[in-house]
Amino acid sequence: MAGTAVVVEDGSLACSHQGSATVSSVSSRLTVGGNGVLLSGNESGLDFAGCTNQTPSNSPAPCVSDLATAGVATKLTVGGTAILLASAQGRTHPKVTPAAIAAWSVNGAGQSKLKAV
């Protein structure tokens, strides 16, 4: 079974409204190329810069990431917490309501050396 790249610091997520969030809250207990890995749970609450989501009255309502619904490692953990993979994805919620709920996915893992399942 082939693995998927592990997401590390400076990796990025993208929302479905063309926004981007850079991974910065990582674990330093496991590093790849000097960058800490993104643990499951730390992907929640990231703001998507450049997000075009709007309220019905056309006010900006940028996306914020929720927990991953897929792409969480099943075998590789740090301190008992799973690591996020490049295949990770989840939902978003808007900073301002009412506005569309959307989705996010990994735009770039930030490395290609370490893979996991």
PDB file of N, CA and C in Angstrom:
ATOM      1  N   MET A   1       0.850  -1.186   0.000  1.00  0.00           N
ATOM      2  CA  MET A   1       0.000   0.000   0.000  1.00  0.00           C
ATOM      3  C   MET A   1       0.888   1.240   0.000  1.00  0.00           C
ATOM      4  N   ALA A   2       0.718   2.093  -0.970  1.00  0.00           N
ATOM      5  CA  ALA A   2       1.504   3.320  -1.070  1.00  0.00           C
ATOM      6  C   ALA A   2       1.001   4.340  -0.062  1.00  0.00           C
ATOM      7  N   GLY A   3       1.909   5.099   0.486  1.00  0.00           N
ATOM      8  CA  GLY A   3       1.531   6.117   1.444  1.00  0.00           C
ATOM      9  C   GLY A   3       1.309   7.468   0.787  1.00  0.00           C
ATOM     10  N   THR A   4       0.882   8.403   1.594  1.00  0.00           N
ATOM     11  CA  THR A   4       0.649   9.777   1.166  1.00  0.00           C
ATOM     12  C   THR A   4       1.561  10.681   1.982  1.00  0.00           C
ATOM     13  N   ALA A   5       2.054  11.745   1.395  1.00  0.00           N
ATOM     14  CA  ALA A   5       2.959  12.660   2.085  1.00  0.00           C
ATOM     15  C   ALA A   5       2.321  13.199   3.355  1.00  0.00           C
ATOM     16  N   VAL A   6       3.135  13.358   4.381  1.00  0.00           N
ATOM     17  CA  VAL A   6       2.730  13.938   5.658  1.00  0.00           C
ATOM     18  C   VAL A   6       2.798  15.461   5.530  1.00  0.00           C
ATOM     19  N   VAL A   7       1.825  16.169   6.087  1.00  0.00           N
ATOM     20  CA  VAL A   7       1.795  17.639   6.032  1.00  0.00           C
ATOM     21  C   VAL A   7       2.701  18.192   7.137  1.00  0.00           C
ATOM     22  N   VAL A   8       3.532  19.147   6.773  1.00  0.00           N
ATOM     23  CA  VAL A   8       4.460  19.762   7.723  1.00  0.00           C
ATOM     24  C   VAL A   8       4.292  21.283   7.736  1.00  0.00           C
ATOM     25  N   GLU A   9       5.005  21.912   8.661  1.00  0.00           N
ATOM     26  CA  GLU A   9       5.022  23.377   8.754  1.00  0.00           C
ATOM     27  C   GLU A   9       5.331  23.966   7.391  1.00  0.00           C
ATOM     28  N   ASP A  10       4.640  25.024   7.050  1.00  0.00           N
ATOM     29  CA  ASP A  10       4.740  25.711   5.764  1.00  0.00           C
ATOM     30  C   ASP A  10       4.008  24.978   4.649  1.00  0.00           C
ATOM     31  N   GLY A  11       3.361  23.843   4.955  1.00  0.00           N
ATOM     32  CA  GLY A  11       2.439  23.242   4.012  1.00  0.00           C
ATOM     33  C   GLY A  11       1.238  24.179   3.921  1.00  0.00           C
ATOM     34  N   SER A  12       0.326  23.895   3.000  1.00  0.00           N
ATOM     35  CA  SER A  12      -0.806  24.812   2.869  1.00  0.00           C
ATOM     36  C   SER A  12      -2.110  24.073   2.600  1.00  0.00           C
ATOM     37  N   LEU A  13      -3.191  24.701   3.044  1.00  0.00           N
ATOM     38  CA  LEU A  13      -4.544  24.228   2.799  1.00  0.00           C
ATOM     39  C   LEU A  13      -5.221  25.244   1.890  1.00  0.00           C
ATOM     40  N   ALA A  14      -6.201  24.787   1.130  1.00  0.00           N
ATOM     41  CA  ALA A  14      -6.963  25.676   0.258  1.00  0.00           C
ATOM     42  C   ALA A  14      -8.443  25.465   0.517  1.00  0.00           C
ATOM     43  N   CYS A  15      -9.201  26.566   0.557  1.00  0.00           N
ATOM     44  CA  CYS A  15     -10.658  26.443   0.680  1.00  0.00           C
ATOM     45  C   CYS A  15     -11.265  26.500  -0.712  1.00  0.00           C
ATOM     46  N   SER A  16     -12.524  26.121  -0.806  1.00  0.00           N
ATOM     47  CA  SER A  16     -13.171  26.076  -2.117  1.00  0.00           C
ATOM     48  C   SER A  16     -13.530  27.458  -2.660  1.00  0.00           C
ATOM     49  N   HIS A  17     -13.168  28.520  -1.918  1.00  0.00           N
ATOM     50  CA  HIS A  17     -13.369  29.895  -2.404  1.00  0.00           C
ATOM     51  C   HIS A  17     -12.031  30.541  -2.757  1.00  0.00           C
ATOM     52  N   GLN A  18     -11.067  29.746  -3.147  1.00  0.00           N
ATOM     53  CA  GLN A  18      -9.743  30.192  -3.582  1.00  0.00           C
ATOM     54  C   GLN A  18      -8.876  30.794  -2.473  1.00  0.00           C
ATOM     55  N   GLY A  19      -9.214  30.543  -1.221  1.00  0.00           N
ATOM     56  CA  GLY A  19      -8.392  31.022  -0.116  1.00  0.00           C
ATOM     57  C   GLY A  19      -7.282  30.032   0.204  1.00  0.00           C
ATOM     58  N   SER A  20      -6.272  30.495   0.929  1.00  0.00           N
ATOM     59  CA  SER A  20      -5.135  29.662   1.295  1.00  0.00           C
ATOM     60  C   SER A  20      -4.755  29.904   2.753  1.00  0.00           C
ATOM     61  N   ALA A  21      -4.400  28.821   3.440  1.00  0.00           N
ATOM     62  CA  ALA A  21      -3.948  28.907   4.835  1.00  0.00           C
ATOM     63  C   ALA A  21      -2.629  28.163   4.954  1.00  0.00           C
ATOM     64  N   THR A  22      -1.653  28.780   5.590  1.00  0.00           N
ATOM     65  CA  THR A  22      -0.349  28.161   5.788  1.00  0.00           C
ATOM     66  C   THR A  22      -0.317  27.455   7.138  1.00  0.00           C
ATOM     67  N   VAL A  23       0.203  26.231   7.142  1.00  0.00           N
ATOM     68  CA  VAL A  23       0.304  25.443   8.365  1.00  0.00           C
ATOM     69  C   VAL A  23       1.430  26.002   9.227  1.00  0.00           C
ATOM     70  N   SER A  24       1.116  26.304  10.489  1.00  0.00           N
ATOM     71  CA  SER A  24       2.159  26.830  11.373  1.00  0.00           C
ATOM     72  C   SER A  24       2.142  26.188  12.758  1.00  0.00           C
ATOM     73  N   SER A  25       1.017  25.660  13.206  1.00  0.00           N
ATOM     74  CA  SER A  25       0.929  25.035  14.521  1.00  0.00           C
ATOM     75  C   SER A  25       1.230  23.548  14.369  1.00  0.00           C
ATOM     76  N   VAL A  26       2.480  23.175  14.649  1.00  0.00           N
ATOM     77  CA  VAL A  26       2.951  21.814  14.384  1.00  0.00           C
ATOM     78  C   VAL A  26       3.622  21.218  15.612  1.00  0.00           C
ATOM     79  N   SER A  27       3.905  19.931  15.542  1.00  0.00           N
ATOM     80  CA  SER A  27       4.641  19.241  16.599  1.00  0.00           C
ATOM     81  C   SER A  27       6.120  19.210  16.243  1.00  0.00           C
ATOM     82  N   SER A  28       6.948  19.561  17.183  1.00  0.00           N
ATOM     83  CA  SER A  28       8.389  19.506  16.942  1.00  0.00           C
ATOM     84  C   SER A  28       8.974  18.157  17.366  1.00  0.00           C
ATOM     85  N   ARG A  29       8.122  17.266  17.869  1.00  0.00           N
ATOM     86  CA  ARG A  29       8.596  15.935  18.287  1.00  0.00           C
ATOM     87  C   ARG A  29       8.945  15.057  17.099  1.00  0.00           C
ATOM     88  N   LEU A  30       8.357  15.340  15.932  1.00  0.00           N
ATOM     89  CA  LEU A  30       8.700  14.642  14.690  1.00  0.00           C
ATOM     90  C   LEU A  30       8.859  15.707  13.624  1.00  0.00           C
ATOM     91  N   THR A  31      10.037  15.737  12.992  1.00  0.00           N
ATOM     92  CA  THR A  31      10.279  16.726  11.947  1.00  0.00           C
ATOM     93  C   THR A  31      10.688  16.029  10.662  1.00  0.00           C
ATOM     94  N   VAL A  32      10.423  16.691   9.564  1.00  0.00           N
ATOM     95  CA  VAL A  32      10.824  16.230   8.239  1.00  0.00           C
ATOM     96  C   VAL A  32      11.519  17.410   7.580  1.00  0.00           C
ATOM     97  N   GLY A  33      12.791  17.252   7.271  1.00  0.00           N
ATOM     98  CA  GLY A  33      13.539  18.349   6.675  1.00  0.00           C
ATOM     99  C   GLY A  33      13.580  19.572   7.583  1.00  0.00           C
ATOM    100  N   GLY A  34      13.528  19.355   8.888  1.00  0.00           N
ATOM    101  CA  GLY A  34      13.581  20.457   9.855  1.00  0.00           C
ATOM    102  C   GLY A  34      12.232  21.077  10.176  1.00  0.00           C
ATOM    103  N   ASN A  35      11.157  20.610   9.532  1.00  0.00           N
ATOM    104  CA  ASN A  35       9.819  21.151   9.782  1.00  0.00           C
ATOM    105  C   ASN A  35       8.977  20.160  10.570  1.00  0.00           C
ATOM    106  N   GLY A  36       8.291  20.665  11.589  1.00  0.00           N
ATOM    107  CA  GLY A  36       7.411  19.829  12.388  1.00  0.00           C
ATOM    108  C   GLY A  36       6.195  19.375  11.603  1.00  0.00           C
ATOM    109  N   VAL A  37       5.605  18.259  12.034  1.00  0.00           N
ATOM    110  CA  VAL A  37       4.434  17.696  11.355  1.00  0.00           C
ATOM    111  C   VAL A  37       3.139  18.274  11.922  1.00  0.00           C
ATOM    112  N   LEU A  38       2.104  18.288  11.090  1.00  0.00           N
ATOM    113  CA  LEU A  38       0.787  18.774  11.489  1.00  0.00           C
ATOM    114  C   LEU A  38       0.008  17.635  12.133  1.00  0.00           C
ATOM    115  N   LEU A  39      -0.329  17.802  13.406  1.00  0.00           N
ATOM    116  CA  LEU A  39      -1.095  16.798  14.129  1.00  0.00           C
ATOM    117  C   LEU A  39      -2.585  17.015  13.923  1.00  0.00           C
ATOM    118  N   SER A  40      -3.327  15.913  13.914  1.00  0.00           N
ATOM    119  CA  SER A  40      -4.777  15.978  13.791  1.00  0.00           C
ATOM    120  C   SER A  40      -5.335  16.860  14.903  1.00  0.00           C
ATOM    121  N   GLY A  41      -6.183  17.765  14.543  1.00  0.00           N
ATOM    122  CA  GLY A  41      -6.757  18.733  15.489  1.00  0.00           C
ATOM    123  C   GLY A  41      -6.175  20.112  15.301  1.00  0.00           C
ATOM    124  N   ASN A  42      -4.906  20.195  14.902  1.00  0.00           N
ATOM    125  CA  ASN A  42      -4.267  21.498  14.704  1.00  0.00           C
ATOM    126  C   ASN A  42      -4.636  22.138  13.372  1.00  0.00           C
ATOM    127  N   GLU A  43      -5.353  21.408  12.516  1.00  0.00           N
ATOM    128  CA  GLU A  43      -5.820  21.984  11.254  1.00  0.00           C
ATOM    129  C   GLU A  43      -7.080  22.813  11.453  1.00  0.00           C
ATOM    130  N   SER A  44      -7.705  22.694  12.590  1.00  0.00           N
ATOM    131  CA  SER A  44      -8.945  23.416  12.869  1.00  0.00           C
ATOM    132  C   SER A  44      -8.655  24.855  13.290  1.00  0.00           C
ATOM    133  N   GLY A  45      -9.450  25.781  12.758  1.00  0.00           N
ATOM    134  CA  GLY A  45      -9.315  27.188  13.146  1.00  0.00           C
ATOM    135  C   GLY A  45      -8.368  28.003  12.293  1.00  0.00           C
ATOM    136  N   LEU A  46      -7.892  27.442  11.181  1.00  0.00           N
ATOM    137  CA  LEU A  46      -7.000  28.202  10.297  1.00  0.00           C
ATOM    138  C   LEU A  46      -7.818  29.152   9.425  1.00  0.00           C
ATOM    139  N   ASP A  47      -7.344  30.383   9.294  1.00  0.00           N
ATOM    140  CA  ASP A  47      -7.990  31.395   8.447  1.00  0.00           C
ATOM    141  C   ASP A  47      -7.462  31.276   7.018  1.00  0.00           C
ATOM    142  N   PHE A  48      -8.360  31.413   6.042  1.00  0.00           N
ATOM    143  CA  PHE A  48      -7.995  31.316   4.634  1.00  0.00           C
ATOM    144  C   PHE A  48      -7.863  32.714   4.033  1.00  0.00           C
ATOM    145  N   ALA A  49      -6.623  33.154   3.853  1.00  0.00           N
ATOM    146  CA  ALA A  49      -6.350  34.448   3.227  1.00  0.00           C
ATOM    147  C   ALA A  49      -6.766  34.399   1.766  1.00  0.00           C
ATOM    148  N   GLY A  50      -7.330  35.468   1.269  1.00  0.00           N
ATOM    149  CA  GLY A  50      -7.732  35.542  -0.123  1.00  0.00           C
ATOM    150  C   GLY A  50      -9.047  34.841  -0.426  1.00  0.00           C
ATOM    151  N   CYS A  51      -9.731  34.368   0.591  1.00  0.00           N
ATOM    152  CA  CYS A  51     -11.013  33.682   0.412  1.00  0.00           C
ATOM    153  C   CYS A  51     -12.051  34.666  -0.130  1.00  0.00           C
ATOM    154  N   THR A  52     -12.802  34.229  -1.126  1.00  0.00           N
ATOM    155  CA  THR A  52     -13.799  35.097  -1.765  1.00  0.00           C
ATOM    156  C   THR A  52     -15.224  34.873  -1.245  1.00  0.00           C
ATOM    157  N   ASN A  53     -15.374  34.079  -0.183  1.00  0.00           N
ATOM    158  CA  ASN A  53     -16.703  33.815   0.381  1.00  0.00           C
ATOM    159  C   ASN A  53     -17.336  35.132   0.854  1.00  0.00           C
ATOM    160  N   GLN A  54     -18.644  35.266   0.601  1.00  0.00           N
ATOM    161  CA  GLN A  54     -19.360  36.488   0.984  1.00  0.00           C
ATOM    162  C   GLN A  54     -20.722  36.149   1.571  1.00  0.00           C
ATOM    163  N   THR A  55     -21.240  37.081   2.351  1.00  0.00           N
ATOM    164  CA  THR A  55     -22.606  36.977   2.852  1.00  0.00           C
ATOM    165  C   THR A  55     -23.553  37.319   1.704  1.00  0.00           C
ATOM    166  N   PRO A  56     -24.859  37.059   1.858  1.00  0.00           N
ATOM    167  CA  PRO A  56     -25.810  37.441   0.808  1.00  0.00           C
ATOM    168  C   PRO A  56     -25.803  38.938   0.486  1.00  0.00           C
ATOM    169  N   SER A  57     -25.352  39.766   1.442  1.00  0.00           N
ATOM    170  CA  SER A  57     -25.276  41.211   1.184  1.00  0.00           C
ATOM    171  C   SER A  57     -23.893  41.627   0.670  1.00  0.00           C
ATOM    172  N   ASN A  58     -23.108  40.645   0.207  1.00  0.00           N
ATOM    173  CA  ASN A  58     -21.788  40.877  -0.396  1.00  0.00           C
ATOM    174  C   ASN A  58     -20.726  41.400   0.565  1.00  0.00           C
ATOM    175  N   SER A  59     -20.875  41.100   1.852  1.00  0.00           N
ATOM    176  CA  SER A  59     -19.813  41.411   2.815  1.00  0.00           C
ATOM    177  C   SER A  59     -18.835  40.239   2.855  1.00  0.00           C
ATOM    178  N   PRO A  60     -17.542  40.513   3.020  1.00  0.00           N
ATOM    179  CA  PRO A  60     -16.562  39.424   3.106  1.00  0.00           C
ATOM    180  C   PRO A  60     -16.886  38.485   4.271  1.00  0.00           C
ATOM    181  N   ALA A  61     -16.771  37.190   4.032  1.00  0.00           N
ATOM    182  CA  ALA A  61     -17.000  36.167   5.057  1.00  0.00           C
ATOM    183  C   ALA A  61     -15.989  35.038   4.850  1.00  0.00           C
ATOM    184  N   PRO A  62     -14.689  35.334   5.070  1.00  0.00           N
ATOM    185  CA  PRO A  62     -13.660  34.339   4.785  1.00  0.00           C
ATOM    186  C   PRO A  62     -13.846  33.052   5.574  1.00  0.00           C
ATOM    187  N   CYS A  63     -13.403  31.957   4.963  1.00  0.00           N
ATOM    188  CA  CYS A  63     -13.528  30.635   5.564  1.00  0.00           C
ATOM    189  C   CYS A  63     -12.530  30.423   6.704  1.00  0.00           C
ATOM    190  N   VAL A  64     -12.942  29.565   7.634  1.00  0.00           N
ATOM    191  CA  VAL A  64     -12.105  29.085   8.732  1.00  0.00           C
ATOM    192  C   VAL A  64     -12.209  27.563   8.703  1.00  0.00           C
ATOM    193  N   SER A  65     -11.090  26.871   8.851  1.00  0.00           N
ATOM    194  CA  SER A  65     -11.089  25.408   8.736  1.00  0.00           C
ATOM    195  C   SER A  65     -11.699  24.734   9.957  1.00  0.00           C
ATOM    196  N   ASP A  66     -12.390  23.635   9.698  1.00  0.00           N
ATOM    197  CA  ASP A  66     -12.875  22.733  10.740  1.00  0.00           C
ATOM    198  C   ASP A  66     -11.973  21.500  10.731  1.00  0.00           C
ATOM    199  N   LEU A  67     -12.234  20.550  11.620  1.00  0.00           N
ATOM    200  CA  LEU A  67     -11.437  19.328  11.700  1.00  0.00           C
ATOM    201  C   LEU A  67     -11.493  18.524  10.404  1.00  0.00           C
ATOM    202  N   ALA A  68     -10.424  17.813  10.126  1.00  0.00           N
ATOM    203  CA  ALA A  68     -10.363  16.955   8.940  1.00  0.00           C
ATOM    204  C   ALA A  68     -11.404  15.845   9.043  1.00  0.00           C
ATOM    205  N   THR A  69     -12.036  15.543   7.924  1.00  0.00           N
ATOM    206  CA  THR A  69     -12.983  14.440   7.845  1.00  0.00           C
ATOM    207  C   THR A  69     -12.381  13.266   7.090  1.00  0.00           C
ATOM    208  N   ALA A  70     -11.208  13.453   6.523  1.00  0.00           N
ATOM    209  CA  ALA A  70     -10.493  12.399   5.786  1.00  0.00           C
ATOM    210  C   ALA A  70      -9.012  12.766   5.748  1.00  0.00           C
ATOM    211  N   GLY A  71      -8.173  11.781   5.464  1.00  0.00           N
ATOM    212  CA  GLY A  71      -6.749  12.039   5.309  1.00  0.00           C
ATOM    213  C   GLY A  71      -5.976  12.144   6.610  1.00  0.00           C
ATOM    214  N   VAL A  72      -6.441  11.439   7.636  1.00  0.00           N
ATOM    215  CA  VAL A  72      -5.736  11.389   8.915  1.00  0.00           C
ATOM    216  C   VAL A  72      -4.985  10.054   8.957  1.00  0.00           C
ATOM    217  N   ALA A  73      -3.706  10.083   9.296  1.00  0.00           N
ATOM    218  CA  ALA A  73      -2.903   8.860   9.319  1.00  0.00           C
ATOM    219  C   ALA A  73      -3.515   7.827  10.257  1.00  0.00           C
ATOM    220  N   THR A  74      -3.486   6.575   9.840  1.00  0.00           N
ATOM    221  CA  THR A  74      -4.024   5.505  10.676  1.00  0.00           C
ATOM    222  C   THR A  74      -2.938   4.774  11.451  1.00  0.00           C
ATOM    223  N   LYS A  75      -1.684   4.947  11.052  1.00  0.00           N
ATOM    224  CA  LYS A  75      -0.602   4.225  11.718  1.00  0.00           C
ATOM    225  C   LYS A  75       0.472   5.129  12.318  1.00  0.00           C
ATOM    226  N   LEU A  76       0.680   6.304  11.764  1.00  0.00           N
ATOM    227  CA  LEU A  76       1.732   7.199  12.241  1.00  0.00           C
ATOM    228  C   LEU A  76       1.143   8.226  13.197  1.00  0.00           C
ATOM    229  N   THR A  77       1.643   8.204  14.436  1.00  0.00           N
ATOM    230  CA  THR A  77       1.169   9.139  15.454  1.00  0.00           C
ATOM    231  C   THR A  77       2.355   9.759  16.179  1.00  0.00           C
ATOM    232  N   VAL A  78       2.101  10.866  16.835  1.00  0.00           N
ATOM    233  CA  VAL A  78       3.080  11.506  17.706  1.00  0.00           C
ATOM    234  C   VAL A  78       2.389  11.691  19.054  1.00  0.00           C
ATOM    235  N   GLY A  79       2.910  11.032  20.080  1.00  0.00           N
ATOM    236  CA  GLY A  79       2.294  11.121  21.399  1.00  0.00           C
ATOM    237  C   GLY A  79       0.851  10.635  21.397  1.00  0.00           C
ATOM    238  N   GLY A  80       0.527   9.675  20.520  1.00  0.00           N
ATOM    239  CA  GLY A  80      -0.816   9.130  20.444  1.00  0.00           C
ATOM    240  C   GLY A  80      -1.778   9.912  19.567  1.00  0.00           C
ATOM    241  N   THR A  81      -1.313  11.003  18.962  1.00  0.00           N
ATOM    242  CA  THR A  81      -2.160  11.821  18.089  1.00  0.00           C
ATOM    243  C   THR A  81      -1.760  11.578  16.638  1.00  0.00           C
ATOM    244  N   ALA A  82      -2.754  11.323  15.812  1.00  0.00           N
ATOM    245  CA  ALA A  82      -2.503  11.049  14.393  1.00  0.00           C
ATOM    246  C   ALA A  82      -1.970  12.286  13.676  1.00  0.00           C
ATOM    247  N   ILE A  83      -1.301  12.046  12.561  1.00  0.00           N
ATOM    248  CA  ILE A  83      -0.720  13.097  11.727  1.00  0.00           C
ATOM    249  C   ILE A  83      -1.602  13.287  10.497  1.00  0.00           C
ATOM    250  N   LEU A  84      -1.679  14.507   9.998  1.00  0.00           N
ATOM    251  CA  LEU A  84      -2.453  14.773   8.791  1.00  0.00           C
ATOM    252  C   LEU A  84      -1.635  14.477   7.545  1.00  0.00           C
ATOM    253  N   LEU A  85      -2.324  13.938   6.550  1.00  0.00           N
ATOM    254  CA  LEU A  85      -1.706  13.561   5.285  1.00  0.00           C
ATOM    255  C   LEU A  85      -2.094  14.541   4.181  1.00  0.00           C
ATOM    256  N   ALA A  86      -1.367  14.488   3.084  1.00  0.00           N
ATOM    257  CA  ALA A  86      -1.651  15.375   1.951  1.00  0.00           C
ATOM    258  C   ALA A  86      -3.033  15.120   1.363  1.00  0.00           C
ATOM    259  N   SER A  87      -3.633  13.999   1.683  1.00  0.00           N
ATOM    260  CA  SER A  87      -4.985  13.682   1.209  1.00  0.00           C
ATOM    261  C   SER A  87      -6.069  14.223   2.142  1.00  0.00           C
ATOM    262  N   ALA A  88      -5.677  14.930   3.185  1.00  0.00           N
ATOM    263  CA  ALA A  88      -6.645  15.437   4.169  1.00  0.00           C
ATOM    264  C   ALA A  88      -7.600  16.450   3.547  1.00  0.00           C
ATOM    265  N   GLN A  89      -8.816  16.426   4.069  1.00  0.00           N
ATOM    266  CA  GLN A  89      -9.830  17.388   3.658  1.00  0.00           C
ATOM    267  C   GLN A  89     -10.860  17.512   4.765  1.00  0.00           C
ATOM    268  N   GLY A  90     -11.624  18.577   4.713  1.00  0.00           N
ATOM    269  CA  GLY A  90     -12.654  18.798   5.715  1.00  0.00           C
ATOM    270  C   GLY A  90     -13.575  19.924   5.294  1.00  0.00           C
ATOM    271  N   ARG A  91     -14.384  20.358   6.220  1.00  0.00           N
ATOM    272  CA  ARG A  91     -15.332  21.442   5.954  1.00  0.00           C
ATOM    273  C   ARG A  91     -14.783  22.746   6.504  1.00  0.00           C
ATOM    274  N   THR A  92     -15.377  23.826   6.070  1.00  0.00           N
ATOM    275  CA  THR A  92     -15.054  25.147   6.615  1.00  0.00           C
ATOM    276  C   THR A  92     -16.334  25.774   7.141  1.00  0.00           C
ATOM    277  N   HIS A  93     -16.151  26.803   7.929  1.00  0.00           N
ATOM    278  CA  HIS A  93     -17.285  27.638   8.324  1.00  0.00           C
ATOM    279  C   HIS A  93     -16.866  29.087   8.091  1.00  0.00           C
ATOM    280  N   PRO A  94     -17.819  29.966   7.812  1.00  0.00           N
ATOM    281  CA  PRO A  94     -17.472  31.363   7.545  1.00  0.00           C
ATOM    282  C   PRO A  94     -17.239  32.127   8.843  1.00  0.00           C
ATOM    283  N   LYS A  95     -16.366  33.138   8.776  1.00  0.00           N
ATOM    284  CA  LYS A  95     -16.142  34.012   9.929  1.00  0.00           C
ATOM    285  C   LYS A  95     -17.369  34.863  10.212  1.00  0.00           C
ATOM    286  N   VAL A  96     -18.126  35.148   9.177  1.00  0.00           N
ATOM    287  CA  VAL A  96     -19.310  35.998   9.287  1.00  0.00           C
ATOM    288  C   VAL A  96     -20.497  35.211   8.734  1.00  0.00           C
ATOM    289  N   THR A  97     -21.608  35.238   9.444  1.00  0.00           N
ATOM    290  CA  THR A  97     -22.800  34.542   8.945  1.00  0.00           C
ATOM    291  C   THR A  97     -23.864  35.560   8.580  1.00  0.00           C
ATOM    292  N   PRO A  98     -24.799  35.261   7.729  1.00  0.00           N
ATOM    293  CA  PRO A  98     -24.862  34.005   6.989  1.00  0.00           C
ATOM    294  C   PRO A  98     -23.929  34.042   5.781  1.00  0.00           C
ATOM    295  N   ALA A  99     -23.295  32.963   5.539  1.00  0.00           N
ATOM    296  CA  ALA A  99     -22.447  32.796   4.350  1.00  0.00           C
ATOM    297  C   ALA A  99     -22.294  31.304   4.121  1.00  0.00           C
ATOM    298  N   ALA A 100     -21.763  30.951   2.984  1.00  0.00           N
ATOM    299  CA  ALA A 100     -21.672  29.545   2.595  1.00  0.00           C
ATOM    300  C   ALA A 100     -20.679  28.768   3.444  1.00  0.00           C
ATOM    301  N   ILE A 101     -21.074  27.564   3.796  1.00  0.00           N
ATOM    302  CA  ILE A 101     -20.150  26.589   4.363  1.00  0.00           C
ATOM    303  C   ILE A 101     -19.482  25.937   3.168  1.00  0.00           C
ATOM    304  N   ALA A 102     -18.200  25.681   3.265  1.00  0.00           N
ATOM    305  CA  ALA A 102     -17.469  25.153   2.117  1.00  0.00           C
ATOM    306  C   ALA A 102     -16.598  23.982   2.551  1.00  0.00           C
ATOM    307  N   ALA A 103     -15.567  23.721   1.788  1.00  0.00           N
ATOM    308  CA  ALA A 103     -14.655  22.623   2.061  1.00  0.00           C
ATOM    309  C   ALA A 103     -13.217  23.092   1.920  1.00  0.00           C
ATOM    310  N   TRP A 104     -12.303  22.368   2.570  1.00  0.00           N
ATOM    311  CA  TRP A 104     -10.876  22.630   2.405  1.00  0.00           C
ATOM    312  C   TRP A 104     -10.187  21.323   2.033  1.00  0.00           C
ATOM    313  N   SER A 105      -9.009  21.454   1.459  1.00  0.00           N
ATOM    314  CA  SER A 105      -8.156  20.315   1.149  1.00  0.00           C
ATOM    315  C   SER A 105      -6.709  20.785   1.247  1.00  0.00           C
ATOM    316  N   VAL A 106      -5.800  19.837   1.296  1.00  0.00           N
ATOM    317  CA  VAL A 106      -4.378  20.184   1.348  1.00  0.00           C
ATOM    318  C   VAL A 106      -3.957  20.636  -0.036  1.00  0.00           C
ATOM    319  N   ASN A 107      -3.356  21.808  -0.096  1.00  0.00           N
ATOM    320  CA  ASN A 107      -2.853  22.371  -1.345  1.00  0.00           C
ATOM    321  C   ASN A 107      -1.413  21.935  -1.577  1.00  0.00           C
ATOM    322  N   GLY A 108      -0.650  21.801  -0.498  1.00  0.00           N
ATOM    323  CA  GLY A 108       0.739  21.374  -0.570  1.00  0.00           C
ATOM    324  C   GLY A 108       1.181  20.833   0.773  1.00  0.00           C
ATOM    325  N   ALA A 109       1.769  19.646   0.801  1.00  0.00           N
ATOM    326  CA  ALA A 109       2.184  19.023   2.060  1.00  0.00           C
ATOM    327  C   ALA A 109       3.386  19.725   2.684  1.00  0.00           C
ATOM    328  N   GLY A 110       4.175  20.423   1.887  1.00  0.00           N
ATOM    329  CA  GLY A 110       5.364  21.090   2.406  1.00  0.00           C
ATOM    330  C   GLY A 110       6.603  20.212   2.374  1.00  0.00           C
ATOM    331  N   GLN A 111       6.455  18.955   1.962  1.00  0.00           N
ATOM    332  CA  GLN A 111       7.595  18.042   1.865  1.00  0.00           C
ATOM    333  C   GLN A 111       7.170  16.824   1.059  1.00  0.00           C
ATOM    334  N   SER A 112       8.148  16.043   0.610  1.00  0.00           N
ATOM    335  CA  SER A 112       7.836  14.827  -0.146  1.00  0.00           C
ATOM    336  C   SER A 112       8.665  13.626   0.308  1.00  0.00           C
ATOM    337  N   LYS A 113       9.361  13.758   1.438  1.00  0.00           N
ATOM    338  CA  LYS A 113      10.229  12.690   1.909  1.00  0.00           C
ATOM    339  C   LYS A 113       9.504  11.632   2.728  1.00  0.00           C
ATOM    340  N   LEU A 114       8.613  12.050   3.633  1.00  0.00           N
ATOM    341  CA  LEU A 114       7.953  11.109   4.544  1.00  0.00           C
ATOM    342  C   LEU A 114       6.519  10.875   4.107  1.00  0.00           C
ATOM    343  N   LYS A 115       6.184   9.590   3.946  1.00  0.00           N
ATOM    344  CA  LYS A 115       4.820   9.205   3.583  1.00  0.00           C
ATOM    345  C   LYS A 115       4.279   8.267   4.647  1.00  0.00           C
ATOM    346  N   ALA A 116       2.961   8.265   4.800  1.00  0.00           N
ATOM    347  CA  ALA A 116       2.322   7.418   5.802  1.00  0.00           C
ATOM    348  C   ALA A 116       0.970   6.969   5.294  1.00  0.00           C
ATOM    349  N   VAL A 117       0.370   6.034   6.022  1.00  0.00           N
ATOM    350  CA  VAL A 117      -0.994   5.576   5.703  1.00  0.00           C
ATOM    351  C   VAL A 117      -1.883   5.775   6.924  1.00  0.00           C
TER     352      VAL A 117
END
